[in-house]
Amino acid sequence: DNTYDARFQNVKFSGMHADDPLTTVGNSTNCVKMTSTP
C-alpha cells in the first residue's frame, strides 16, 4: 500500500487456494495486492 522504491528478490509468495481457479472464481485472493492513493 502507498509504497515506493521496494525490491523483492528471490521471494516466493505462496497462497492456499481451496478451489481450482480455472473452474471456480473463488474469493479473489492474491499473492501480491498493490494499492495507491493520490
ModelCIF file with pLDDT and N, C-alpha, C, O atoms, coordinates in Angstrom:
data_MODEL
#
_entry.id   MODEL 
#
_entity.id                         1 
_entity.type                       polymer 
_entity.pdbx_number_of_molecules   1 
#
_entity_poly.entity_id                      1 
_entity_poly.type                           'polypeptide(L)' 
_entity_poly.nstd_linkage                   no 
_entity_poly.nstd_monomer                   no 
_entity_poly.pdbx_seq_one_letter_code       DNTYDARFQNVKFSGMHADDPLTTVGNSTNCVKMTSTP 
_entity_poly.pdbx_seq_one_letter_code_can   DNTYDARFQNVKFSGMHADDPLTTVGNSTNCVKMTSTP 
_entity_poly.pdbx_strand_id                 A 
#
loop_
_entity_poly_seq.entity_id 
_entity_poly_seq.num 
_entity_poly_seq.mon_id 
_entity_poly_seq.hetero 
1 1  ASP n 
1 2  ASN n 
1 3  THR n 
1 4  TYR n 
1 5  ASP n 
1 6  ALA n 
1 7  ARG n 
1 8  PHE n 
1 9  GLN n 
1 10 ASN n 
1 11 VAL n 
1 12 LYS n 
1 13 PHE n 
1 14 SER n 
1 15 GLY n 
1 16 MET n 
1 17 HIS n 
1 18 ALA n 
1 19 ASP n 
1 20 ASP n 
1 21 PRO n 
1 22 LEU n 
1 23 THR n 
1 24 THR n 
1 25 VAL n 
1 26 GLY n 
1 27 ASN n 
1 28 SER n 
1 29 THR n 
1 30 ASN n 
1 31 CYS n 
1 32 VAL n 
1 33 LYS n 
1 34 MET n 
1 35 THR n 
1 36 SER n 
1 37 THR n 
1 38 PRO n 
#
_struct_asym.id          A 
_struct_asym.entity_id   1 
#
loop_
_ma_qa_metric.id 
_ma_qa_metric.mode 
_ma_qa_metric.name 
_ma_qa_metric.software_group_id 
_ma_qa_metric.type 
1 global pLDDT . pLDDT 
2 local  pLDDT . pLDDT 
#
_ma_qa_metric_global.metric_id      1 
_ma_qa_metric_global.metric_value   82.37 
_ma_qa_metric_global.model_id       1 
_ma_qa_metric_global.ordinal_id     1 
#
loop_
_ma_qa_metric_local.label_asym_id 
_ma_qa_metric_local.label_comp_id 
_ma_qa_metric_local.label_seq_id 
_ma_qa_metric_local.metric_id 
_ma_qa_metric_local.metric_value 
_ma_qa_metric_local.model_id 
_ma_qa_metric_local.ordinal_id 
A ASP 1  2 95.00 1 1  
A ASN 2  2 94.00 1 2  
A THR 3  2 96.00 1 3  
A TYR 4  2 95.00 1 4  
A ASP 5  2 96.00 1 5  
A ALA 6  2 97.00 1 6  
A ARG 7  2 98.00 1 7  
A PHE 8  2 98.00 1 8  
A GLN 9  2 98.00 1 9  
A ASN 10 2 98.00 1 10 
A VAL 11 2 98.00 1 11 
A LYS 12 2 98.00 1 12 
A PHE 13 2 97.00 1 13 
A SER 14 2 96.00 1 14 
A GLY 15 2 91.00 1 15 
A MET 16 2 83.00 1 16 
A HIS 17 2 71.00 1 17 
A ALA 18 2 60.00 1 18 
A ASP 19 2 57.00 1 19 
A ASP 20 2 57.00 1 20 
A PRO 21 2 53.00 1 21 
A LEU 22 2 56.00 1 22 
A THR 23 2 56.00 1 23 
A THR 24 2 55.00 1 24 
A VAL 25 2 53.00 1 25 
A GLY 26 2 52.00 1 26 
A ASN 27 2 57.00 1 27 
A SER 28 2 73.00 1 28 
A THR 29 2 84.00 1 29 
A ASN 30 2 89.00 1 30 
A CYS 31 2 94.00 1 31 
A VAL 32 2 96.00 1 32 
A LYS 33 2 94.00 1 33 
A MET 34 2 94.00 1 34 
A THR 35 2 92.00 1 35 
A SER 36 2 90.00 1 36 
A THR 37 2 86.00 1 37 
A PRO 38 2 83.00 1 38 
#
loop_
_atom_site.group_PDB 
_atom_site.id 
_atom_site.type_symbol 
_atom_site.label_atom_id 
_atom_site.label_alt_id 
_atom_site.label_comp_id 
_atom_site.label_asym_id 
_atom_site.label_entity_id 
_atom_site.label_seq_id 
_atom_site.pdbx_PDB_ins_code 
_atom_site.Cartn_x 
_atom_site.Cartn_y 
_atom_site.Cartn_z 
_atom_site.occupancy 
_atom_site.B_iso_or_equiv 
_atom_site.pdbx_formal_charge 
_atom_site.auth_seq_id 
_atom_site.auth_comp_id 
_atom_site.auth_asym_id 
_atom_site.auth_atom_id 
_atom_site.pdbx_PDB_model_num 
ATOM 1   N N  . ASP A 1 1  ? 0.832   -1.200  0.000   1.00 95.00 ? 1  ASP A N  1 
ATOM 2   C CA . ASP A 1 1  ? 0.000   0.000   0.000   1.00 95.00 ? 1  ASP A CA 1 
ATOM 3   C C  . ASP A 1 1  ? 0.867   1.249   0.000   1.00 95.00 ? 1  ASP A C  1 
ATOM 4   O O  . ASP A 1 1  ? 1.808   1.362   0.785   1.00 95.00 ? 1  ASP A O  1 
ATOM 5   N N  . ASN A 1 2  ? 0.546   2.183   -0.881  1.00 94.00 ? 2  ASN A N  1 
ATOM 6   C CA . ASN A 1 2  ? 1.148   3.518   -0.843  1.00 94.00 ? 2  ASN A CA 1 
ATOM 7   C C  . ASN A 1 2  ? 2.663   3.461   -0.653  1.00 94.00 ? 2  ASN A C  1 
ATOM 8   O O  . ASN A 1 2  ? 3.209   4.144   0.213   1.00 94.00 ? 2  ASN A O  1 
ATOM 9   N N  . THR A 1 3  ? 3.322   2.667   -1.445  1.00 96.00 ? 3  THR A N  1 
ATOM 10  C CA . THR A 1 3  ? 4.741   2.360   -1.268  1.00 96.00 ? 3  THR A CA 1 
ATOM 11  C C  . THR A 1 3  ? 5.533   2.761   -2.503  1.00 96.00 ? 3  THR A C  1 
ATOM 12  O O  . THR A 1 3  ? 5.042   2.651   -3.626  1.00 96.00 ? 3  THR A O  1 
ATOM 13  N N  . TYR A 1 4  ? 6.755   3.227   -2.293  1.00 95.00 ? 4  TYR A N  1 
ATOM 14  C CA . TYR A 1 4  ? 7.637   3.462   -3.426  1.00 95.00 ? 4  TYR A CA 1 
ATOM 15  C C  . TYR A 1 4  ? 9.036   2.931   -3.126  1.00 95.00 ? 4  TYR A C  1 
ATOM 16  O O  . TYR A 1 4  ? 9.465   2.864   -1.974  1.00 95.00 ? 4  TYR A O  1 
ATOM 17  N N  . ASP A 1 5  ? 9.723   2.563   -4.183  1.00 96.00 ? 5  ASP A N  1 
ATOM 18  C CA . ASP A 1 5  ? 11.082  2.029   -4.128  1.00 96.00 ? 5  ASP A CA 1 
ATOM 19  C C  . ASP A 1 5  ? 11.178  0.802   -3.215  1.00 96.00 ? 5  ASP A C  1 
ATOM 20  O O  . ASP A 1 5  ? 11.776  0.852   -2.141  1.00 96.00 ? 5  ASP A O  1 
ATOM 21  N N  . ALA A 1 6  ? 10.580  -0.286  -3.667  1.00 97.00 ? 6  ALA A N  1 
ATOM 22  C CA . ALA A 1 6  ? 10.651  -1.559  -2.941  1.00 97.00 ? 6  ALA A CA 1 
ATOM 23  C C  . ALA A 1 6  ? 11.135  -2.640  -3.898  1.00 97.00 ? 6  ALA A C  1 
ATOM 24  O O  . ALA A 1 6  ? 10.749  -2.672  -5.067  1.00 97.00 ? 6  ALA A O  1 
ATOM 25  N N  . ARG A 1 7  ? 11.979  -3.516  -3.389  1.00 98.00 ? 7  ARG A N  1 
ATOM 26  C CA . ARG A 1 7  ? 12.535  -4.594  -4.214  1.00 98.00 ? 7  ARG A CA 1 
ATOM 27  C C  . ARG A 1 7  ? 12.367  -5.927  -3.492  1.00 98.00 ? 7  ARG A C  1 
ATOM 28  O O  . ARG A 1 7  ? 12.725  -6.067  -2.322  1.00 98.00 ? 7  ARG A O  1 
ATOM 29  N N  . PHE A 1 8  ? 11.816  -6.901  -4.212  1.00 98.00 ? 8  PHE A N  1 
ATOM 30  C CA . PHE A 1 8  ? 11.675  -8.265  -3.728  1.00 98.00 ? 8  PHE A CA 1 
ATOM 31  C C  . PHE A 1 8  ? 12.533  -9.141  -4.628  1.00 98.00 ? 8  PHE A C  1 
ATOM 32  O O  . PHE A 1 8  ? 12.305  -9.200  -5.836  1.00 98.00 ? 8  PHE A O  1 
ATOM 33  N N  . GLN A 1 9  ? 13.511  -9.817  -4.055  1.00 98.00 ? 9  GLN A N  1 
ATOM 34  C CA . GLN A 1 9  ? 14.405  -10.649 -4.850  1.00 98.00 ? 9  GLN A CA 1 
ATOM 35  C C  . GLN A 1 9  ? 14.442  -12.061 -4.292  1.00 98.00 ? 9  GLN A C  1 
ATOM 36  O O  . GLN A 1 9  ? 14.642  -12.264 -3.094  1.00 98.00 ? 9  GLN A O  1 
ATOM 37  N N  . ASN A 1 10 ? 14.244  -13.048 -5.186  1.00 98.00 ? 10 ASN A N  1 
ATOM 38  C CA . ASN A 1 10 ? 14.220  -14.453 -4.787  1.00 98.00 ? 10 ASN A CA 1 
ATOM 39  C C  . ASN A 1 10 ? 13.219  -14.669 -3.645  1.00 98.00 ? 10 ASN A C  1 
ATOM 40  O O  . ASN A 1 10 ? 13.531  -15.297 -2.633  1.00 98.00 ? 10 ASN A O  1 
ATOM 41  N N  . VAL A 1 11 ? 12.016  -14.135 -3.835  1.00 98.00 ? 11 VAL A N  1 
ATOM 42  C CA . VAL A 1 11 ? 10.944  -14.260 -2.845  1.00 98.00 ? 11 VAL A CA 1 
ATOM 43  C C  . VAL A 1 11 ? 9.832   -15.096 -3.453  1.00 98.00 ? 11 VAL A C  1 
ATOM 44  O O  . VAL A 1 11 ? 9.483   -14.926 -4.621  1.00 98.00 ? 11 VAL A O  1 
ATOM 45  N N  . LYS A 1 12 ? 9.283   -15.991 -2.662  1.00 98.00 ? 12 LYS A N  1 
ATOM 46  C CA . LYS A 1 12 ? 8.148   -16.797 -3.103  1.00 98.00 ? 12 LYS A CA 1 
ATOM 47  C C  . LYS A 1 12 ? 6.918   -16.341 -2.323  1.00 98.00 ? 12 LYS A C  1 
ATOM 48  O O  . LYS A 1 12 ? 6.956   -16.210 -1.099  1.00 98.00 ? 12 LYS A O  1 
ATOM 49  N N  . PHE A 1 13 ? 5.831   -16.103 -3.049  1.00 97.00 ? 13 PHE A N  1 
ATOM 50  C CA . PHE A 1 13 ? 4.552   -15.732 -2.462  1.00 97.00 ? 13 PHE A CA 1 
ATOM 51  C C  . PHE A 1 13 ? 3.621   -16.920 -2.661  1.00 97.00 ? 13 PHE A C  1 
ATOM 52  O O  . PHE A 1 13 ? 3.176   -17.176 -3.780  1.00 97.00 ? 13 PHE A O  1 
ATOM 53  N N  . SER A 1 14 ? 3.325   -17.643 -1.596  1.00 96.00 ? 14 SER A N  1 
ATOM 54  C CA . SER A 1 14 ? 2.568   -18.891 -1.689  1.00 96.00 ? 14 SER A CA 1 
ATOM 55  C C  . SER A 1 14 ? 1.226   -18.766 -0.974  1.00 96.00 ? 14 SER A C  1 
ATOM 56  O O  . SER A 1 14 ? 1.175   -18.467 0.219   1.00 96.00 ? 14 SER A O  1 
ATOM 57  N N  . GLY A 1 15 ? 0.157   -18.994 -1.700  1.00 91.00 ? 15 GLY A N  1 
ATOM 58  C CA . GLY A 1 15 ? -1.168  -18.961 -1.100  1.00 91.00 ? 15 GLY A CA 1 
ATOM 59  C C  . GLY A 1 15 ? -1.728  -20.360 -0.956  1.00 91.00 ? 15 GLY A C  1 
ATOM 60  O O  . GLY A 1 15 ? -1.071  -21.351 -1.273  1.00 91.00 ? 15 GLY A O  1 
ATOM 61  N N  . MET A 1 16 ? -2.960  -20.418 -0.468  1.00 83.00 ? 16 MET A N  1 
ATOM 62  C CA . MET A 1 16 ? -3.631  -21.704 -0.293  1.00 83.00 ? 16 MET A CA 1 
ATOM 63  C C  . MET A 1 16 ? -5.040  -21.569 -0.852  1.00 83.00 ? 16 MET A C  1 
ATOM 64  O O  . MET A 1 16 ? -5.996  -21.309 -0.121  1.00 83.00 ? 16 MET A O  1 
ATOM 65  N N  . HIS A 1 17 ? -5.147  -21.751 -2.153  1.00 71.00 ? 17 HIS A N  1 
ATOM 66  C CA . HIS A 1 17 ? -6.449  -21.641 -2.791  1.00 71.00 ? 17 HIS A CA 1 
ATOM 67  C C  . HIS A 1 17 ? -7.171  -22.974 -2.667  1.00 71.00 ? 17 HIS A C  1 
ATOM 68  O O  . HIS A 1 17 ? -6.648  -24.016 -3.060  1.00 71.00 ? 17 HIS A O  1 
ATOM 69  N N  . ALA A 1 18 ? -8.385  -22.926 -2.114  1.00 60.00 ? 18 ALA A N  1 
ATOM 70  C CA . ALA A 1 18 ? -9.139  -24.146 -1.870  1.00 60.00 ? 18 ALA A CA 1 
ATOM 71  C C  . ALA A 1 18 ? -9.782  -24.705 -3.139  1.00 60.00 ? 18 ALA A C  1 
ATOM 72  O O  . ALA A 1 18 ? -10.114 -25.889 -3.189  1.00 60.00 ? 18 ALA A O  1 
ATOM 73  N N  . ASP A 1 19 ? -9.961  -23.872 -4.160  1.00 57.00 ? 19 ASP A N  1 
ATOM 74  C CA . ASP A 1 19 ? -10.643 -24.308 -5.379  1.00 57.00 ? 19 ASP A CA 1 
ATOM 75  C C  . ASP A 1 19 ? -9.728  -24.146 -6.583  1.00 57.00 ? 19 ASP A C  1 
ATOM 76  O O  . ASP A 1 19 ? -8.758  -23.390 -6.539  1.00 57.00 ? 19 ASP A O  1 
ATOM 77  N N  . ASP A 1 20 ? -10.041 -24.855 -7.651  1.00 57.00 ? 20 ASP A N  1 
ATOM 78  C CA . ASP A 1 20 ? -9.317  -24.719 -8.904  1.00 57.00 ? 20 ASP A CA 1 
ATOM 79  C C  . ASP A 1 20 ? -9.723  -23.388 -9.547  1.00 57.00 ? 20 ASP A C  1 
ATOM 80  O O  . ASP A 1 20 ? -10.895 -23.215 -9.882  1.00 57.00 ? 20 ASP A O  1 
ATOM 81  N N  . PRO A 1 21 ? -8.792  -22.440 -9.729  1.00 53.00 ? 21 PRO A N  1 
ATOM 82  C CA . PRO A 1 21 ? -9.169  -21.140 -10.281 1.00 53.00 ? 21 PRO A CA 1 
ATOM 83  C C  . PRO A 1 21 ? -9.676  -21.209 -11.715 1.00 53.00 ? 21 PRO A C  1 
ATOM 84  O O  . PRO A 1 21 ? -10.279 -20.249 -12.194 1.00 53.00 ? 21 PRO A O  1 
ATOM 85  N N  . LEU A 1 22 ? -9.447  -22.321 -12.413 1.00 56.00 ? 22 LEU A N  1 
ATOM 86  C CA . LEU A 1 22 ? -9.946  -22.442 -13.775 1.00 56.00 ? 22 LEU A CA 1 
ATOM 87  C C  . LEU A 1 22 ? -11.421 -22.816 -13.816 1.00 56.00 ? 22 LEU A C  1 
ATOM 88  O O  . LEU A 1 22 ? -12.088 -22.588 -14.825 1.00 56.00 ? 22 LEU A O  1 
ATOM 89  N N  . THR A 1 23 ? -11.938 -23.386 -12.732 1.00 56.00 ? 23 THR A N  1 
ATOM 90  C CA . THR A 1 23 ? -13.340 -23.796 -12.724 1.00 56.00 ? 23 THR A CA 1 
ATOM 91  C C  . THR A 1 23 ? -14.174 -23.053 -11.688 1.00 56.00 ? 23 THR A C  1 
ATOM 92  O O  . THR A 1 23 ? -15.401 -23.041 -11.787 1.00 56.00 ? 23 THR A O  1 
ATOM 93  N N  . THR A 1 24 ? -13.538 -22.435 -10.697 1.00 55.00 ? 24 THR A N  1 
ATOM 94  C CA . THR A 1 24 ? -14.251 -21.741 -9.637  1.00 55.00 ? 24 THR A CA 1 
ATOM 95  C C  . THR A 1 24 ? -13.644 -20.359 -9.454  1.00 55.00 ? 24 THR A C  1 
ATOM 96  O O  . THR A 1 24 ? -12.423 -20.215 -9.382  1.00 55.00 ? 24 THR A O  1 
ATOM 97  N N  . VAL A 1 25 ? -14.493 -19.347 -9.380  1.00 53.00 ? 25 VAL A N  1 
ATOM 98  C CA . VAL A 1 25 ? -13.990 -17.988 -9.233  1.00 53.00 ? 25 VAL A CA 1 
ATOM 99  C C  . VAL A 1 25 ? -13.285 -17.811 -7.898  1.00 53.00 ? 25 VAL A C  1 
ATOM 100 O O  . VAL A 1 25 ? -12.258 -17.133 -7.840  1.00 53.00 ? 25 VAL A O  1 
ATOM 101 N N  . GLY A 1 26 ? -13.797 -18.392 -6.835  1.00 52.00 ? 26 GLY A N  1 
ATOM 102 C CA . GLY A 1 26 ? -13.158 -18.252 -5.527  1.00 52.00 ? 26 GLY A CA 1 
ATOM 103 C C  . GLY A 1 26 ? -13.387 -16.876 -4.933  1.00 52.00 ? 26 GLY A C  1 
ATOM 104 O O  . GLY A 1 26 ? -14.306 -16.164 -5.339  1.00 52.00 ? 26 GLY A O  1 
ATOM 105 N N  . ASN A 1 27 ? -12.554 -16.502 -3.973  1.00 57.00 ? 27 ASN A N  1 
ATOM 106 C CA . ASN A 1 27 ? -12.777 -15.232 -3.281  1.00 57.00 ? 27 ASN A CA 1 
ATOM 107 C C  . ASN A 1 27 ? -11.787 -14.147 -3.695  1.00 57.00 ? 27 ASN A C  1 
ATOM 108 O O  . ASN A 1 27 ? -11.637 -13.157 -2.978  1.00 57.00 ? 27 ASN A O  1 
ATOM 109 N N  . SER A 1 28 ? -11.118 -14.303 -4.814  1.00 73.00 ? 28 SER A N  1 
ATOM 110 C CA . SER A 1 28 ? -10.230 -13.293 -5.377  1.00 73.00 ? 28 SER A CA 1 
ATOM 111 C C  . SER A 1 28 ? -9.039  -12.961 -4.487  1.00 73.00 ? 28 SER A C  1 
ATOM 112 O O  . SER A 1 28 ? -8.676  -11.792 -4.355  1.00 73.00 ? 28 SER A O  1 
ATOM 113 N N  . THR A 1 29 ? -8.441  -13.950 -3.887  1.00 84.00 ? 29 THR A N  1 
ATOM 114 C CA . THR A 1 29 ? -7.229  -13.696 -3.110  1.00 84.00 ? 29 THR A CA 1 
ATOM 115 C C  . THR A 1 29 ? -6.045  -13.531 -4.061  1.00 84.00 ? 29 THR A C  1 
ATOM 116 O O  . THR A 1 29 ? -6.068  -13.999 -5.200  1.00 84.00 ? 29 THR A O  1 
ATOM 117 N N  . ASN A 1 30 ? -5.009  -12.853 -3.562  1.00 89.00 ? 30 ASN A N  1 
ATOM 118 C CA . ASN A 1 30 ? -3.871  -12.523 -4.398  1.00 89.00 ? 30 ASN A CA 1 
ATOM 119 C C  . ASN A 1 30 ? -2.569  -12.909 -3.716  1.00 89.00 ? 30 ASN A C  1 
ATOM 120 O O  . ASN A 1 30 ? -2.461  -12.881 -2.490  1.00 89.00 ? 30 ASN A O  1 
ATOM 121 N N  . CYS A 1 31 ? -1.584  -13.269 -4.526  1.00 94.00 ? 31 CYS A N  1 
ATOM 122 C CA . CYS A 1 31 ? -0.244  -13.410 -3.970  1.00 94.00 ? 31 CYS A CA 1 
ATOM 123 C C  . CYS A 1 31 ? 0.255   -12.041 -3.541  1.00 94.00 ? 31 CYS A C  1 
ATOM 124 O O  . CYS A 1 31 ? 0.753   -11.877 -2.427  1.00 94.00 ? 31 CYS A O  1 
ATOM 125 N N  . VAL A 1 32 ? 0.123   -11.056 -4.426  1.00 96.00 ? 32 VAL A N  1 
ATOM 126 C CA . VAL A 1 32 ? 0.505   -9.681  -4.109  1.00 96.00 ? 32 VAL A CA 1 
ATOM 127 C C  . VAL A 1 32 ? -0.604  -8.758  -4.575  1.00 96.00 ? 32 VAL A C  1 
ATOM 128 O O  . VAL A 1 32 ? -1.018  -8.805  -5.734  1.00 96.00 ? 32 VAL A O  1 
ATOM 129 N N  . LYS A 1 33 ? -1.084  -7.916  -3.663  1.00 94.00 ? 33 LYS A N  1 
ATOM 130 C CA . LYS A 1 33 ? -2.096  -6.908  -3.975  1.00 94.00 ? 33 LYS A CA 1 
ATOM 131 C C  . LYS A 1 33 ? -1.458  -5.541  -3.778  1.00 94.00 ? 33 LYS A C  1 
ATOM 132 O O  . LYS A 1 33 ? -0.883  -5.267  -2.725  1.00 94.00 ? 33 LYS A O  1 
ATOM 133 N N  . MET A 1 34 ? -1.558  -4.679  -4.793  1.00 94.00 ? 34 MET A N  1 
ATOM 134 C CA . MET A 1 34 ? -0.963  -3.349  -4.722  1.00 94.00 ? 34 MET A CA 1 
ATOM 135 C C  . MET A 1 34 ? -2.050  -2.291  -4.809  1.00 94.00 ? 34 MET A C  1 
ATOM 136 O O  . MET A 1 34 ? -2.931  -2.360  -5.666  1.00 94.00 ? 34 MET A O  1 
ATOM 137 N N  . THR A 1 35 ? -1.981  -1.304  -3.908  1.00 92.00 ? 35 THR A N  1 
ATOM 138 C CA . THR A 1 35 ? -2.926  -0.191  -3.928  1.00 92.00 ? 35 THR A CA 1 
ATOM 139 C C  . THR A 1 35 ? -2.165  1.119   -3.858  1.00 92.00 ? 35 THR A C  1 
ATOM 140 O O  . THR A 1 35 ? -0.992  1.163   -3.488  1.00 92.00 ? 35 THR A O  1 
ATOM 141 N N  . SER A 1 36 ? -2.866  2.193   -4.226  1.00 90.00 ? 36 SER A N  1 
ATOM 142 C CA . SER A 1 36 ? -2.246  3.507   -4.277  1.00 90.00 ? 36 SER A CA 1 
ATOM 143 C C  . SER A 1 36 ? -3.316  4.562   -4.055  1.00 90.00 ? 36 SER A C  1 
ATOM 144 O O  . SER A 1 36 ? -4.492  4.338   -4.343  1.00 90.00 ? 36 SER A O  1 
ATOM 145 N N  . THR A 1 37 ? -2.901  5.724   -3.538  1.00 86.00 ? 37 THR A N  1 
ATOM 146 C CA . THR A 1 37 ? -3.795  6.866   -3.410  1.00 86.00 ? 37 THR A CA 1 
ATOM 147 C C  . THR A 1 37 ? -3.106  8.080   -4.028  1.00 86.00 ? 37 THR A C  1 
ATOM 148 O O  . THR A 1 37 ? -1.882  8.082   -4.154  1.00 86.00 ? 37 THR A O  1 
ATOM 149 N N  . PRO A 1 38 ? -3.856  9.114   -4.419  1.00 83.00 ? 38 PRO A N  1 
ATOM 150 C CA . PRO A 1 38 ? -3.215  10.301  -4.993  1.00 83.00 ? 38 PRO A CA 1 
ATOM 151 C C  . PRO A 1 38 ? -2.206  10.951  -4.035  1.00 83.00 ? 38 PRO A C  1 
ATOM 152 O O  . PRO A 1 38 ? -1.588  11.958  -4.379  1.00 83.00 ? 38 PRO A O  1 
#
